[in-house]
């Protein structure tokens, strides 16, 4: 099975051939590296930009205004913060023109902890990005969803932020990408650049087909009856592991993978909470003004009289960065044991 980086690469190759992608660019995005996580290796339209995040976003804006369809990468989301004003301008374009102008561009950036990247390569960007109107914001947790969400982003006529959980980029999926060969060694030989000299190397893309995960549609990963867990990114996998453990204690967890942070699927949240009457919102961004706080607030406002327990948020610690040492990184973001504990407490508090 393809890993997430390969899935993103195949989606971009499909976009070049079928969806009019004109430019894929960013720091080390083009040859010979093809991206720090190899998500852009072998792409026909890829090129290397200067080390200038503001220049990357500004260039994407200009290409889209001029009629192109760019995909720009910020190498790590830790370095996107100095582009906030430009992201805001991009988000304003369609609305500010009273709908006369579209801005079809995708920005992708790796997010979150999990690779021992310390304070400069471990940030999350959830809460800040969802606070910039005019953008759609997605974050997959599986290769098949990464492929489908990227295809959806490339089809969109206005800006999409594609956040890649960096801890999952080497994770293989359980579902085959449409057109992917059955043997993963064959896939590697076809699309992974060799070590050493790559001067004459060209990928042999599989016969990839259209597969779209609708933006704004959550996925019920696991059905349950006692408590709902709403999350996204790598914490979907950890929440599933926690739910498996709790099932042995007789606690049934319903697990929702949002997949899209904006526009988020509140209907899925509402349906689940009305069933379980208890909910935990989970992510690894810092605690204060966390995106999960917004979901918690809306749940409280709209479903207050249908709740049997206070809705809760489990998030990263409110610290400036994530420590390099494994023990410090683990202390900075929710771990499986933390998830088990909060789900257990929420499921068993007296109604």
C-alpha atoms as a PDB file:
ATOM      1  CA  UNK A   1       0.000   0.000   0.000  1.00  0.00           C
ATOM      2  CA  UNK A   2       1.121   3.556  -0.697  1.00  0.00           C
ATOM      3  CA  UNK A   3       2.189   5.769   2.153  1.00  0.00           C
ATOM      4  CA  UNK A   4       0.761   9.264   2.582  1.00  0.00           C
ATOM      5  CA  UNK A   5       3.647  11.059   0.849  1.00  0.00           C
ATOM      6  CA  UNK A   6       3.271   8.781  -2.178  1.00  0.00           C
ATOM      7  CA  UNK A   7      -0.501   9.320  -2.180  1.00  0.00           C
ATOM      8  CA  UNK A   8      -0.094  13.101  -2.228  1.00  0.00           C
ATOM      9  CA  UNK A   9       2.487  12.817  -5.005  1.00  0.00           C
ATOM     10  CA  UNK A  10       0.162  10.666  -7.112  1.00  0.00           C
ATOM     11  CA  UNK A  11      -2.722  13.091  -6.575  1.00  0.00           C
ATOM     12  CA  UNK A  12      -0.547  15.963  -7.759  1.00  0.00           C
ATOM     13  CA  UNK A  13       0.544  13.945 -10.798  1.00  0.00           C
ATOM     14  CA  UNK A  14      -3.120  13.303 -11.564  1.00  0.00           C
ATOM     15  CA  UNK A  15      -3.747  17.023 -11.148  1.00  0.00           C
ATOM     16  CA  UNK A  16      -0.992  17.897 -13.614  1.00  0.00           C
ATOM     17  CA  UNK A  17      -2.473  15.570 -16.232  1.00  0.00           C
ATOM     18  CA  UNK A  18      -6.197  16.053 -15.715  1.00  0.00           C
ATOM     19  CA  UNK A  19      -6.960  19.106 -13.557  1.00  0.00           C
ATOM     20  CA  UNK A  20      -4.824  21.841 -15.065  1.00  0.00           C
ATOM     21  CA  UNK A  21      -2.158  22.188 -12.358  1.00  0.00           C
ATOM     22  CA  UNK A  22       0.418  24.610 -13.760  1.00  0.00           C
ATOM     23  CA  UNK A  23       3.016  24.940 -10.990  1.00  0.00           C
ATOM     24  CA  UNK A  24       4.088  22.924  -7.942  1.00  0.00           C
ATOM     25  CA  UNK A  25       6.739  24.871  -6.070  1.00  0.00           C
ATOM     26  CA  UNK A  26       8.379  25.710  -2.771  1.00  0.00           C
ATOM     27  CA  UNK A  27      11.643  25.216  -0.939  1.00  0.00           C
ATOM     28  CA  UNK A  28      13.337  22.017  -2.263  1.00  0.00           C
ATOM     29  CA  UNK A  29      10.041  21.005  -3.905  1.00  0.00           C
ATOM     30  CA  UNK A  30      11.575  20.536  -7.361  1.00  0.00           C
ATOM     31  CA  UNK A  31      14.411  18.226  -8.437  1.00  0.00           C
ATOM     32  CA  UNK A  32      16.562  16.690  -7.215  1.00  0.00           C
ATOM     33  CA  UNK A  33      14.979  16.387  -3.739  1.00  0.00           C
ATOM     34  CA  UNK A  34      11.275  16.529  -4.506  1.00  0.00           C
ATOM     35  CA  UNK A  35      10.331  17.876  -1.107  1.00  0.00           C
ATOM     36  CA  UNK A  36      11.672  17.181   2.374  1.00  0.00           C
ATOM     37  CA  UNK A  37       9.133  14.357   2.684  1.00  0.00           C
ATOM     38  CA  UNK A  38       9.355  13.387  -1.039  1.00  0.00           C
ATOM     39  CA  UNK A  39       5.738  14.388  -1.684  1.00  0.00           C
ATOM     40  CA  UNK A  40       6.638  16.174  -4.943  1.00  0.00           C
ATOM     41  CA  UNK A  41       9.241  13.872  -6.507  1.00  0.00           C
ATOM     42  CA  UNK A  42       9.060  13.516 -10.255  1.00  0.00           C
ATOM     43  CA  UNK A  43       6.300  16.035 -10.870  1.00  0.00           C
ATOM     44  CA  UNK A  44       6.457  17.657 -14.301  1.00  0.00           C
ATOM     45  CA  UNK A  45       5.587  21.186 -13.126  1.00  0.00           C
ATOM     46  CA  UNK A  46       7.648  21.253  -9.918  1.00  0.00           C
ATOM     47  CA  UNK A  47      10.333  23.848  -9.293  1.00  0.00           C
ATOM     48  CA  UNK A  48      12.434  25.203  -6.432  1.00  0.00           C
ATOM     49  CA  UNK A  49      11.665  28.587  -4.938  1.00  0.00           C
ATOM     50  CA  UNK A  50      13.969  30.843  -2.912  1.00  0.00           C
ATOM     51  CA  UNK A  51      13.891  30.387   0.875  1.00  0.00           C
ATOM     52  CA  UNK A  52      11.171  32.984   1.216  1.00  0.00           C
ATOM     53  CA  UNK A  53       7.771  31.972   2.592  1.00  0.00           C
ATOM     54  CA  UNK A  54       6.189  35.348   1.858  1.00  0.00           C
ATOM     55  CA  UNK A  55       7.502  35.118  -1.682  1.00  0.00           C
ATOM     56  CA  UNK A  56       6.003  31.627  -2.054  1.00  0.00           C
ATOM     57  CA  UNK A  57       2.508  32.705  -0.978  1.00  0.00           C
ATOM     58  CA  UNK A  58       2.756  35.918  -3.004  1.00  0.00           C
ATOM     59  CA  UNK A  59       3.865  33.989  -6.084  1.00  0.00           C
ATOM     60  CA  UNK A  60       0.998  31.512  -5.714  1.00  0.00           C
ATOM     61  CA  UNK A  61      -1.417  34.434  -5.431  1.00  0.00           C
ATOM     62  CA  UNK A  62      -0.022  36.002  -8.592  1.00  0.00           C
ATOM     63  CA  UNK A  63      -0.041  32.775 -10.614  1.00  0.00           C
ATOM     64  CA  UNK A  64      -3.671  32.111  -9.654  1.00  0.00           C
ATOM     65  CA  UNK A  65      -4.747  35.684 -10.476  1.00  0.00           C
ATOM     66  CA  UNK A  66      -3.038  35.333 -13.865  1.00  0.00           C
ATOM     67  CA  UNK A  67      -5.061  32.214 -14.681  1.00  0.00           C
ATOM     68  CA  UNK A  68      -2.788  29.424 -13.468  1.00  0.00           C
ATOM     69  CA  UNK A  69      -3.507  26.724 -10.928  1.00  0.00           C
ATOM     70  CA  UNK A  70      -0.566  26.556  -8.499  1.00  0.00           C
ATOM     71  CA  UNK A  71       0.222  24.275  -5.593  1.00  0.00           C
ATOM     72  CA  UNK A  72       2.663  25.949  -3.219  1.00  0.00           C
ATOM     73  CA  UNK A  73       4.370  24.272  -0.286  1.00  0.00           C
ATOM     74  CA  UNK A  74       5.616  25.855   2.906  1.00  0.00           C
ATOM     75  CA  UNK A  75       8.257  23.367   3.988  1.00  0.00           C
ATOM     76  CA  UNK A  76       7.081  23.278   7.631  1.00  0.00           C
ATOM     77  CA  UNK A  77       4.098  25.129   9.055  1.00  0.00           C
ATOM     78  CA  UNK A  78       6.454  26.585  11.665  1.00  0.00           C
ATOM     79  CA  UNK A  79       7.582  28.971   8.900  1.00  0.00           C
ATOM     80  CA  UNK A  80       4.160  29.999   7.619  1.00  0.00           C
ATOM     81  CA  UNK A  81       3.421  32.441  10.435  1.00  0.00           C
ATOM     82  CA  UNK A  82       5.135  35.341   8.689  1.00  0.00           C
ATOM     83  CA  UNK A  83       2.707  34.990   5.761  1.00  0.00           C
ATOM     84  CA  UNK A  84      -0.518  35.580   7.709  1.00  0.00           C
ATOM     85  CA  UNK A  85      -1.285  38.915   6.049  1.00  0.00           C
ATOM     86  CA  UNK A  86      -0.847  37.363   2.598  1.00  0.00           C
ATOM     87  CA  UNK A  87      -3.020  34.371   3.518  1.00  0.00           C
ATOM     88  CA  UNK A  88      -5.666  36.862   4.588  1.00  0.00           C
ATOM     89  CA  UNK A  89      -5.444  38.673   1.221  1.00  0.00           C
ATOM     90  CA  UNK A  90      -5.789  35.368  -0.627  1.00  0.00           C
ATOM     91  CA  UNK A  91      -8.830  34.497   1.469  1.00  0.00           C
ATOM     92  CA  UNK A  92     -10.355  37.906   0.737  1.00  0.00           C
ATOM     93  CA  UNK A  93     -10.094  37.675  -3.046  1.00  0.00           C
ATOM     94  CA  UNK A  94     -13.361  35.949  -3.957  1.00  0.00           C
ATOM     95  CA  UNK A  95     -15.444  37.660  -1.270  1.00  0.00           C
ATOM     96  CA  UNK A  96     -13.884  41.072  -1.857  1.00  0.00           C
ATOM     97  CA  UNK A  97     -14.734  40.922  -5.568  1.00  0.00           C
ATOM     98  CA  UNK A  98     -18.392  40.112  -4.814  1.00  0.00           C
ATOM     99  CA  UNK A  99     -17.823  36.701  -6.343  1.00  0.00           C
ATOM    100  CA  UNK A 100     -16.457  37.970  -9.651  1.00  0.00           C
ATOM    101  CA  UNK A 101     -12.953  36.514  -9.217  1.00  0.00           C
ATOM    102  CA  UNK A 102     -11.911  33.018  -8.199  1.00  0.00           C
ATOM    103  CA  UNK A 103      -8.489  32.168  -6.835  1.00  0.00           C
ATOM    104  CA  UNK A 104      -7.768  28.473  -7.515  1.00  0.00           C
ATOM    105  CA  UNK A 105      -4.696  27.672  -5.481  1.00  0.00           C
ATOM    106  CA  UNK A 106      -3.595  25.081  -2.937  1.00  0.00           C
ATOM    107  CA  UNK A 107      -1.056  25.628  -0.187  1.00  0.00           C
ATOM    108  CA  UNK A 108       0.237  22.526   1.538  1.00  0.00           C
ATOM    109  CA  UNK A 109       2.352  22.372   4.663  1.00  0.00           C
ATOM    110  CA  UNK A 110       3.402  19.661   7.151  1.00  0.00           C
ATOM    111  CA  UNK A 111       1.991  20.169  10.648  1.00  0.00           C
ATOM    112  CA  UNK A 112       2.250  18.802  14.157  1.00  0.00           C
ATOM    113  CA  UNK A 113       4.715  16.923  16.316  1.00  0.00           C
ATOM    114  CA  UNK A 114       5.781  13.296  16.134  1.00  0.00           C
ATOM    115  CA  UNK A 115       9.153  13.411  14.351  1.00  0.00           C
ATOM    116  CA  UNK A 116      11.213  14.916  17.208  1.00  0.00           C
ATOM    117  CA  UNK A 117      11.472  18.178  15.322  1.00  0.00           C
ATOM    118  CA  UNK A 118      11.812  20.294  18.465  1.00  0.00           C
ATOM    119  CA  UNK A 119      10.660  23.903  18.645  1.00  0.00           C
ATOM    120  CA  UNK A 120      11.187  24.769  14.959  1.00  0.00           C
ATOM    121  CA  UNK A 121       9.545  21.754  13.278  1.00  0.00           C
ATOM    122  CA  UNK A 122       6.670  20.668  15.545  1.00  0.00           C
ATOM    123  CA  UNK A 123       4.046  23.405  15.548  1.00  0.00           C
ATOM    124  CA  UNK A 124       0.388  23.001  14.727  1.00  0.00           C
ATOM    125  CA  UNK A 125      -1.482  25.520  12.605  1.00  0.00           C
ATOM    126  CA  UNK A 126      -5.101  24.458  13.141  1.00  0.00           C
ATOM    127  CA  UNK A 127      -6.500  27.301  15.195  1.00  0.00           C
ATOM    128  CA  UNK A 128      -4.760  30.103  13.292  1.00  0.00           C
ATOM    129  CA  UNK A 129      -5.635  28.752   9.847  1.00  0.00           C
ATOM    130  CA  UNK A 130      -9.291  28.211  10.687  1.00  0.00           C
ATOM    131  CA  UNK A 131      -9.373  31.836  11.855  1.00  0.00           C
ATOM    132  CA  UNK A 132      -8.554  33.119   8.339  1.00  0.00           C
ATOM    133  CA  UNK A 133     -11.855  33.380   6.437  1.00  0.00           C
ATOM    134  CA  UNK A 134     -12.045  32.553   2.749  1.00  0.00           C
ATOM    135  CA  UNK A 135     -10.008  29.346   2.949  1.00  0.00           C
ATOM    136  CA  UNK A 136     -11.054  25.738   3.046  1.00  0.00           C
ATOM    137  CA  UNK A 137      -8.839  23.757   5.413  1.00  0.00           C
ATOM    138  CA  UNK A 138      -8.262  19.998   5.244  1.00  0.00           C
ATOM    139  CA  UNK A 139      -6.132  17.479   7.137  1.00  0.00           C
ATOM    140  CA  UNK A 140      -6.108  13.769   6.187  1.00  0.00           C
ATOM    141  CA  UNK A 141      -5.101  10.886   8.428  1.00  0.00           C
ATOM    142  CA  UNK A 142      -4.828   8.123   5.797  1.00  0.00           C
ATOM    143  CA  UNK A 143      -3.197   7.901   2.350  1.00  0.00           C
ATOM    144  CA  UNK A 144      -6.513   7.302   0.579  1.00  0.00           C
ATOM    145  CA  UNK A 145      -8.011  10.410   2.215  1.00  0.00           C
ATOM    146  CA  UNK A 146      -4.862  12.377   1.396  1.00  0.00           C
ATOM    147  CA  UNK A 147      -5.289  11.422  -2.263  1.00  0.00           C
ATOM    148  CA  UNK A 148      -9.011  12.179  -2.282  1.00  0.00           C
ATOM    149  CA  UNK A 149      -8.748  15.459  -0.401  1.00  0.00           C
ATOM    150  CA  UNK A 150      -5.926  16.676  -2.640  1.00  0.00           C
ATOM    151  CA  UNK A 151      -7.995  15.870  -5.736  1.00  0.00           C
ATOM    152  CA  UNK A 152     -10.895  17.796  -4.177  1.00  0.00           C
ATOM    153  CA  UNK A 153      -8.590  20.720  -3.363  1.00  0.00           C
ATOM    154  CA  UNK A 154      -7.270  20.809  -6.933  1.00  0.00           C
ATOM    155  CA  UNK A 155     -10.819  20.883  -8.289  1.00  0.00           C
ATOM    156  CA  UNK A 156     -11.840  23.751  -6.029  1.00  0.00           C
ATOM    157  CA  UNK A 157     -12.047  27.188  -7.579  1.00  0.00           C
ATOM    158  CA  UNK A 158     -10.819  28.987  -4.463  1.00  0.00           C
ATOM    159  CA  UNK A 159      -7.984  28.566  -1.939  1.00  0.00           C
ATOM    160  CA  UNK A 160      -7.494  25.377   0.039  1.00  0.00           C
ATOM    161  CA  UNK A 161      -4.977  24.835   2.833  1.00  0.00           C
ATOM    162  CA  UNK A 162      -3.844  21.202   2.790  1.00  0.00           C
ATOM    163  CA  UNK A 163      -2.226  20.379   6.138  1.00  0.00           C
ATOM    164  CA  UNK A 164      -0.130  17.199   6.131  1.00  0.00           C
ATOM    165  CA  UNK A 165       0.435  15.525   9.541  1.00  0.00           C
ATOM    166  CA  UNK A 166       4.166  15.081   9.316  1.00  0.00           C
ATOM    167  CA  UNK A 167       4.145  12.064  11.646  1.00  0.00           C
ATOM    168  CA  UNK A 168       1.910  10.216   9.151  1.00  0.00           C
ATOM    169  CA  UNK A 169       3.705  10.943   5.882  1.00  0.00           C
ATOM    170  CA  UNK A 170       5.503   7.583   5.953  1.00  0.00           C
ATOM    171  CA  UNK A 171       2.439   5.693   7.200  1.00  0.00           C
ATOM    172  CA  UNK A 172       0.936   3.135   4.822  1.00  0.00           C
ATOM    173  CA  UNK A 173      -2.793   2.829   4.356  1.00  0.00           C
ATOM    174  CA  UNK A 174      -5.302  -0.010   4.410  1.00  0.00           C
ATOM    175  CA  UNK A 175      -6.986   1.017   1.145  1.00  0.00           C
ATOM    176  CA  UNK A 176      -5.388   1.081  -2.262  1.00  0.00           C
ATOM    177  CA  UNK A 177      -5.164   4.350  -4.188  1.00  0.00           C
ATOM    178  CA  UNK A 178      -7.232   4.041  -7.401  1.00  0.00           C
ATOM    179  CA  UNK A 179      -4.776   2.854 -10.053  1.00  0.00           C
ATOM    180  CA  UNK A 180      -2.052   1.884  -7.556  1.00  0.00           C
ATOM    181  CA  UNK A 181      -0.317  -1.443  -8.365  1.00  0.00           C
ATOM    182  CA  UNK A 182      -0.900  -4.276  -5.910  1.00  0.00           C
ATOM    183  CA  UNK A 183       2.801  -4.763  -5.167  1.00  0.00           C
ATOM    184  CA  UNK A 184       4.172  -1.819  -3.162  1.00  0.00           C
ATOM    185  CA  UNK A 185       7.685  -2.639  -4.398  1.00  0.00           C
ATOM    186  CA  UNK A 186       6.460  -2.100  -7.945  1.00  0.00           C
ATOM    187  CA  UNK A 187       4.976   1.252  -6.909  1.00  0.00           C
ATOM    188  CA  UNK A 188       8.251   2.264  -5.271  1.00  0.00           C
ATOM    189  CA  UNK A 189      10.163   1.364  -8.414  1.00  0.00           C
ATOM    190  CA  UNK A 190       7.724   3.378 -10.522  1.00  0.00           C
ATOM    191  CA  UNK A 191       7.477   6.624  -8.573  1.00  0.00           C
ATOM    192  CA  UNK A 192      10.241   6.828  -5.931  1.00  0.00           C
ATOM    193  CA  UNK A 193      13.443   8.491  -7.100  1.00  0.00           C
ATOM    194  CA  UNK A 194      16.586   6.376  -6.675  1.00  0.00           C
ATOM    195  CA  UNK A 195      19.366   7.304  -4.294  1.00  0.00           C
ATOM    196  CA  UNK A 196      22.357   8.998  -5.874  1.00  0.00           C
ATOM    197  CA  UNK A 197      22.306  10.511  -9.350  1.00  0.00           C
ATOM    198  CA  UNK A 198      18.761  11.370 -10.450  1.00  0.00           C
ATOM    199  CA  UNK A 199      19.697  13.347 -13.532  1.00  0.00           C
ATOM    200  CA  UNK A 200      18.001  11.041 -16.022  1.00  0.00           C
ATOM    201  CA  UNK A 201      15.336   9.569 -13.742  1.00  0.00           C
ATOM    202  CA  UNK A 202      11.695   9.995 -14.629  1.00  0.00           C
ATOM    203  CA  UNK A 203       8.724   8.469 -12.816  1.00  0.00           C
ATOM    204  CA  UNK A 204       6.344   6.004 -14.458  1.00  0.00           C
ATOM    205  CA  UNK A 205       3.002   7.054 -13.042  1.00  0.00           C
ATOM    206  CA  UNK A 206       0.326   4.374 -12.624  1.00  0.00           C
ATOM    207  CA  UNK A 207      -2.951   4.771 -14.505  1.00  0.00           C
ATOM    208  CA  UNK A 208      -4.397   6.961 -11.779  1.00  0.00           C
ATOM    209  CA  UNK A 209      -8.114   7.620 -11.681  1.00  0.00           C
ATOM    210  CA  UNK A 210     -10.358  10.260 -10.175  1.00  0.00           C
ATOM    211  CA  UNK A 211     -11.182   9.786  -6.501  1.00  0.00           C
ATOM    212  CA  UNK A 212     -12.551  12.684  -4.488  1.00  0.00           C
ATOM    213  CA  UNK A 213     -13.152  12.972  -0.753  1.00  0.00           C
ATOM    214  CA  UNK A 214     -15.709  15.777  -0.472  1.00  0.00           C
ATOM    215  CA  UNK A 215     -14.425  18.814   1.390  1.00  0.00           C
ATOM    216  CA  UNK A 216     -16.630  19.384   4.425  1.00  0.00           C
ATOM    217  CA  UNK A 217     -17.572  15.733   4.998  1.00  0.00           C
ATOM    218  CA  UNK A 218     -16.417  13.949   8.171  1.00  0.00           C
ATOM    219  CA  UNK A 219     -15.903  10.199   8.477  1.00  0.00           C
ATOM    220  CA  UNK A 220     -17.262   7.934  11.209  1.00  0.00           C
ATOM    221  CA  UNK A 221     -14.204   5.804  11.907  1.00  0.00           C
ATOM    222  CA  UNK A 222     -15.850   3.791  14.667  1.00  0.00           C
ATOM    223  CA  UNK A 223     -19.449   3.675  15.861  1.00  0.00           C
ATOM    224  CA  UNK A 224     -20.202   3.819  19.576  1.00  0.00           C
ATOM    225  CA  UNK A 225     -22.851   4.615  22.127  1.00  0.00           C
ATOM    226  CA  UNK A 226     -21.258   5.977  25.320  1.00  0.00           C
ATOM    227  CA  UNK A 227     -19.066   8.912  24.276  1.00  0.00           C
ATOM    228  CA  UNK A 228     -18.098  10.735  21.055  1.00  0.00           C
ATOM    229  CA  UNK A 229     -14.503  11.654  20.216  1.00  0.00           C
ATOM    230  CA  UNK A 230     -14.035  14.310  17.520  1.00  0.00           C
ATOM    231  CA  UNK A 231     -10.525  14.629  16.128  1.00  0.00           C
ATOM    232  CA  UNK A 232      -8.377  14.704  12.967  1.00  0.00           C
ATOM    233  CA  UNK A 233      -4.834  14.048  11.745  1.00  0.00           C
ATOM    234  CA  UNK A 234      -2.624  11.583  13.575  1.00  0.00           C
ATOM    235  CA  UNK A 235      -4.791  11.657  16.679  1.00  0.00           C
ATOM    236  CA  UNK A 236      -7.448   9.701  14.801  1.00  0.00           C
ATOM    237  CA  UNK A 237      -5.155   6.670  15.020  1.00  0.00           C
ATOM    238  CA  UNK A 238      -4.378   7.259  18.690  1.00  0.00           C
ATOM    239  CA  UNK A 239      -8.032   7.772  19.544  1.00  0.00           C
ATOM    240  CA  UNK A 240      -8.873   4.511  17.776  1.00  0.00           C
ATOM    241  CA  UNK A 241      -6.243   2.707  19.846  1.00  0.00           C
ATOM    242  CA  UNK A 242      -7.683   4.256  23.005  1.00  0.00           C
ATOM    243  CA  UNK A 243     -11.204   3.243  21.948  1.00  0.00           C
ATOM    244  CA  UNK A 244     -10.043  -0.348  21.398  1.00  0.00           C
ATOM    245  CA  UNK A 245      -8.713  -0.461  24.960  1.00  0.00           C
ATOM    246  CA  UNK A 246     -11.858   1.086  26.417  1.00  0.00           C
ATOM    247  CA  UNK A 247     -14.028  -1.408  24.559  1.00  0.00           C
ATOM    248  CA  UNK A 248     -12.480  -4.089  26.770  1.00  0.00           C
ATOM    249  CA  UNK A 249     -13.826  -2.137  29.762  1.00  0.00           C
ATOM    250  CA  UNK A 250     -17.309  -1.981  28.284  1.00  0.00           C
ATOM    251  CA  UNK A 251     -17.018   1.654  27.156  1.00  0.00           C
ATOM    252  CA  UNK A 252     -18.200   2.249  23.589  1.00  0.00           C
ATOM    253  CA  UNK A 253     -16.543   5.200  21.817  1.00  0.00           C
ATOM    254  CA  UNK A 254     -17.842   6.765  18.617  1.00  0.00           C
ATOM    255  CA  UNK A 255     -14.896   8.225  16.721  1.00  0.00           C
ATOM    256  CA  UNK A 256     -15.257  11.028  14.168  1.00  0.00           C
ATOM    257  CA  UNK A 257     -12.428  12.019  11.829  1.00  0.00           C
ATOM    258  CA  UNK A 258     -13.312  15.560  10.724  1.00  0.00           C
ATOM    259  CA  UNK A 259     -10.966  15.444   7.686  1.00  0.00           C
ATOM    260  CA  UNK A 260     -12.052  19.026   6.917  1.00  0.00           C
ATOM    261  CA  UNK A 261     -11.502  21.669   9.569  1.00  0.00           C
ATOM    262  CA  UNK A 262     -13.363  24.262   7.533  1.00  0.00           C
ATOM    263  CA  UNK A 263     -16.101  24.038   6.486  1.00  0.00           C
ATOM    264  CA  UNK A 264     -16.452  21.410   9.214  1.00  0.00           C
ATOM    265  CA  UNK A 265     -19.191  18.793   9.293  1.00  0.00           C
ATOM    266  CA  UNK A 266     -21.212  19.881  12.316  1.00  0.00           C
ATOM    267  CA  UNK A 267     -24.119  17.702  11.231  1.00  0.00           C
ATOM    268  CA  UNK A 268     -21.953  14.632  11.857  1.00  0.00           C
ATOM    269  CA  UNK A 269     -20.936  15.970  15.264  1.00  0.00           C
ATOM    270  CA  UNK A 270     -24.512  16.827  16.167  1.00  0.00           C
ATOM    271  CA  UNK A 271     -25.887  13.426  15.125  1.00  0.00           C
ATOM    272  CA  UNK A 272     -23.239  11.609  17.135  1.00  0.00           C
ATOM    273  CA  UNK A 273     -23.553  13.750  20.265  1.00  0.00           C
ATOM    274  CA  UNK A 274     -27.322  13.322  20.248  1.00  0.00           C
ATOM    275  CA  UNK A 275     -26.705   9.573  20.310  1.00  0.00           C
ATOM    276  CA  UNK A 276     -23.949   9.386  22.944  1.00  0.00           C
ATOM    277  CA  UNK A 277     -24.809  12.599  24.848  1.00  0.00           C
ATOM    278  CA  UNK A 278     -21.121  13.034  25.732  1.00  0.00           C
ATOM    279  CA  UNK A 279     -18.204  14.362  23.704  1.00  0.00           C
ATOM    280  CA  UNK A 280     -14.448  14.940  23.806  1.00  0.00           C
ATOM    281  CA  UNK A 281     -12.726  17.186  21.248  1.00  0.00           C
ATOM    282  CA  UNK A 282      -9.129  16.131  20.647  1.00  0.00           C
ATOM    283  CA  UNK A 283      -6.150  17.695  18.852  1.00  0.00           C
ATOM    284  CA  UNK A 284      -2.496  18.575  19.450  1.00  0.00           C
ATOM    285  CA  UNK A 285      -2.601  22.348  18.957  1.00  0.00           C
ATOM    286  CA  UNK A 286      -1.995  24.559  22.001  1.00  0.00           C
ATOM    287  CA  UNK A 287      -4.855  24.878  24.468  1.00  0.00           C
ATOM    288  CA  UNK A 288      -5.716  28.591  24.488  1.00  0.00           C
ATOM    289  CA  UNK A 289      -8.057  29.649  21.634  1.00  0.00           C
ATOM    290  CA  UNK A 290      -7.866  26.121  20.287  1.00  0.00           C
ATOM    291  CA  UNK A 291     -10.012  25.151  17.268  1.00  0.00           C
ATOM    292  CA  UNK A 292     -11.607  22.481  19.452  1.00  0.00           C
ATOM    293  CA  UNK A 293     -12.797  25.229  21.792  1.00  0.00           C
ATOM    294  CA  UNK A 294     -14.932  26.603  18.978  1.00  0.00           C
ATOM    295  CA  UNK A 295     -16.490  23.186  18.387  1.00  0.00           C
ATOM    296  CA  UNK A 296     -17.031  22.794  22.133  1.00  0.00           C
ATOM    297  CA  UNK A 297     -18.697  26.203  22.369  1.00  0.00           C
ATOM    298  CA  UNK A 298     -21.033  25.505  19.471  1.00  0.00           C
ATOM    299  CA  UNK A 299     -21.903  22.090  20.875  1.00  0.00           C
ATOM    300  CA  UNK A 300     -22.716  23.654  24.245  1.00  0.00           C
ATOM    301  CA  UNK A 301     -24.886  26.349  22.670  1.00  0.00           C
ATOM    302  CA  UNK A 302     -26.836  24.102  20.335  1.00  0.00           C
ATOM    303  CA  UNK A 303     -26.995  20.827  22.268  1.00  0.00           C
ATOM    304  CA  UNK A 304     -26.872  21.924  25.914  1.00  0.00           C
ATOM    305  CA  UNK A 305     -30.087  20.190  26.946  1.00  0.00           C
ATOM    306  CA  UNK A 306     -29.112  16.976  25.161  1.00  0.00           C
ATOM    307  CA  UNK A 307     -25.813  16.543  27.022  1.00  0.00           C
ATOM    308  CA  UNK A 308     -25.396  14.221  30.009  1.00  0.00           C
ATOM    309  CA  UNK A 309     -21.896  15.508  30.819  1.00  0.00           C
ATOM    310  CA  UNK A 310     -19.871  18.661  30.130  1.00  0.00           C
ATOM    311  CA  UNK A 311     -18.140  18.537  26.726  1.00  0.00           C
ATOM    312  CA  UNK A 312     -14.374  18.439  27.113  1.00  0.00           C
ATOM    313  CA  UNK A 313     -11.250  19.421  25.192  1.00  0.00           C
ATOM    314  CA  UNK A 314      -7.980  17.483  25.192  1.00  0.00           C
ATOM    315  CA  UNK A 315      -5.236  19.413  23.429  1.00  0.00           C
ATOM    316  CA  UNK A 316      -1.543  20.208  23.462  1.00  0.00           C
ATOM    317  CA  UNK A 317      -0.002  22.128  26.325  1.00  0.00           C
ATOM    318  CA  UNK A 318       0.026  25.920  26.051  1.00  0.00           C
ATOM    319  CA  UNK A 319       3.794  26.167  25.603  1.00  0.00           C
ATOM    320  CA  UNK A 320       5.784  28.059  22.932  1.00  0.00           C
ATOM    321  CA  UNK A 321       7.219  24.914  21.373  1.00  0.00           C
ATOM    322  CA  UNK A 322       7.675  21.160  21.582  1.00  0.00           C
ATOM    323  CA  UNK A 323      10.774  19.782  23.238  1.00  0.00           C
ATOM    324  CA  UNK A 324      13.341  17.701  21.367  1.00  0.00           C
ATOM    325  CA  UNK A 325      13.682  14.937  23.952  1.00  0.00           C
ATOM    326  CA  UNK A 326      10.991  12.245  23.515  1.00  0.00           C
ATOM    327  CA  UNK A 327       9.790  12.704  27.094  1.00  0.00           C
ATOM    328  CA  UNK A 328       9.300  16.438  26.490  1.00  0.00           C
ATOM    329  CA  UNK A 329       7.538  15.908  23.168  1.00  0.00           C
ATOM    330  CA  UNK A 330       5.235  13.325  24.757  1.00  0.00           C
ATOM    331  CA  UNK A 331       4.434  15.736  27.576  1.00  0.00           C
ATOM    332  CA  UNK A 332       3.554  18.495  25.100  1.00  0.00           C
ATOM    333  CA  UNK A 333       0.825  16.760  23.081  1.00  0.00           C
ATOM    334  CA  UNK A 334      -1.884  14.245  24.074  1.00  0.00           C
ATOM    335  CA  UNK A 335      -0.758  10.632  24.221  1.00  0.00           C
ATOM    336  CA  UNK A 336      -2.893   7.480  24.012  1.00  0.00           C
ATOM    337  CA  UNK A 337      -3.019   7.163  27.797  1.00  0.00           C
ATOM    338  CA  UNK A 338      -4.269  10.762  28.072  1.00  0.00           C
ATOM    339  CA  UNK A 339      -6.988  10.044  25.527  1.00  0.00           C
ATOM    340  CA  UNK A 340      -8.059   6.873  27.333  1.00  0.00           C
ATOM    341  CA  UNK A 341      -8.260   8.743  30.619  1.00  0.00           C
ATOM    342  CA  UNK A 342     -10.393  11.624  29.346  1.00  0.00           C
ATOM    343  CA  UNK A 343     -12.737   9.394  27.347  1.00  0.00           C
ATOM    344  CA  UNK A 344     -13.169   7.111  30.352  1.00  0.00           C
ATOM    345  CA  UNK A 345     -13.891  10.033  32.682  1.00  0.00           C
ATOM    346  CA  UNK A 346     -16.345  11.610  30.259  1.00  0.00           C
ATOM    347  CA  UNK A 347     -18.150   8.345  29.567  1.00  0.00           C
ATOM    348  CA  UNK A 348     -18.606   7.506  33.248  1.00  0.00           C
ATOM    349  CA  UNK A 349     -19.424  10.841  34.883  1.00  0.00           C
ATOM    350  CA  UNK A 350     -22.926  10.560  36.394  1.00  0.00           C
ATOM    351  CA  UNK A 351     -25.635  12.113  34.210  1.00  0.00           C
END
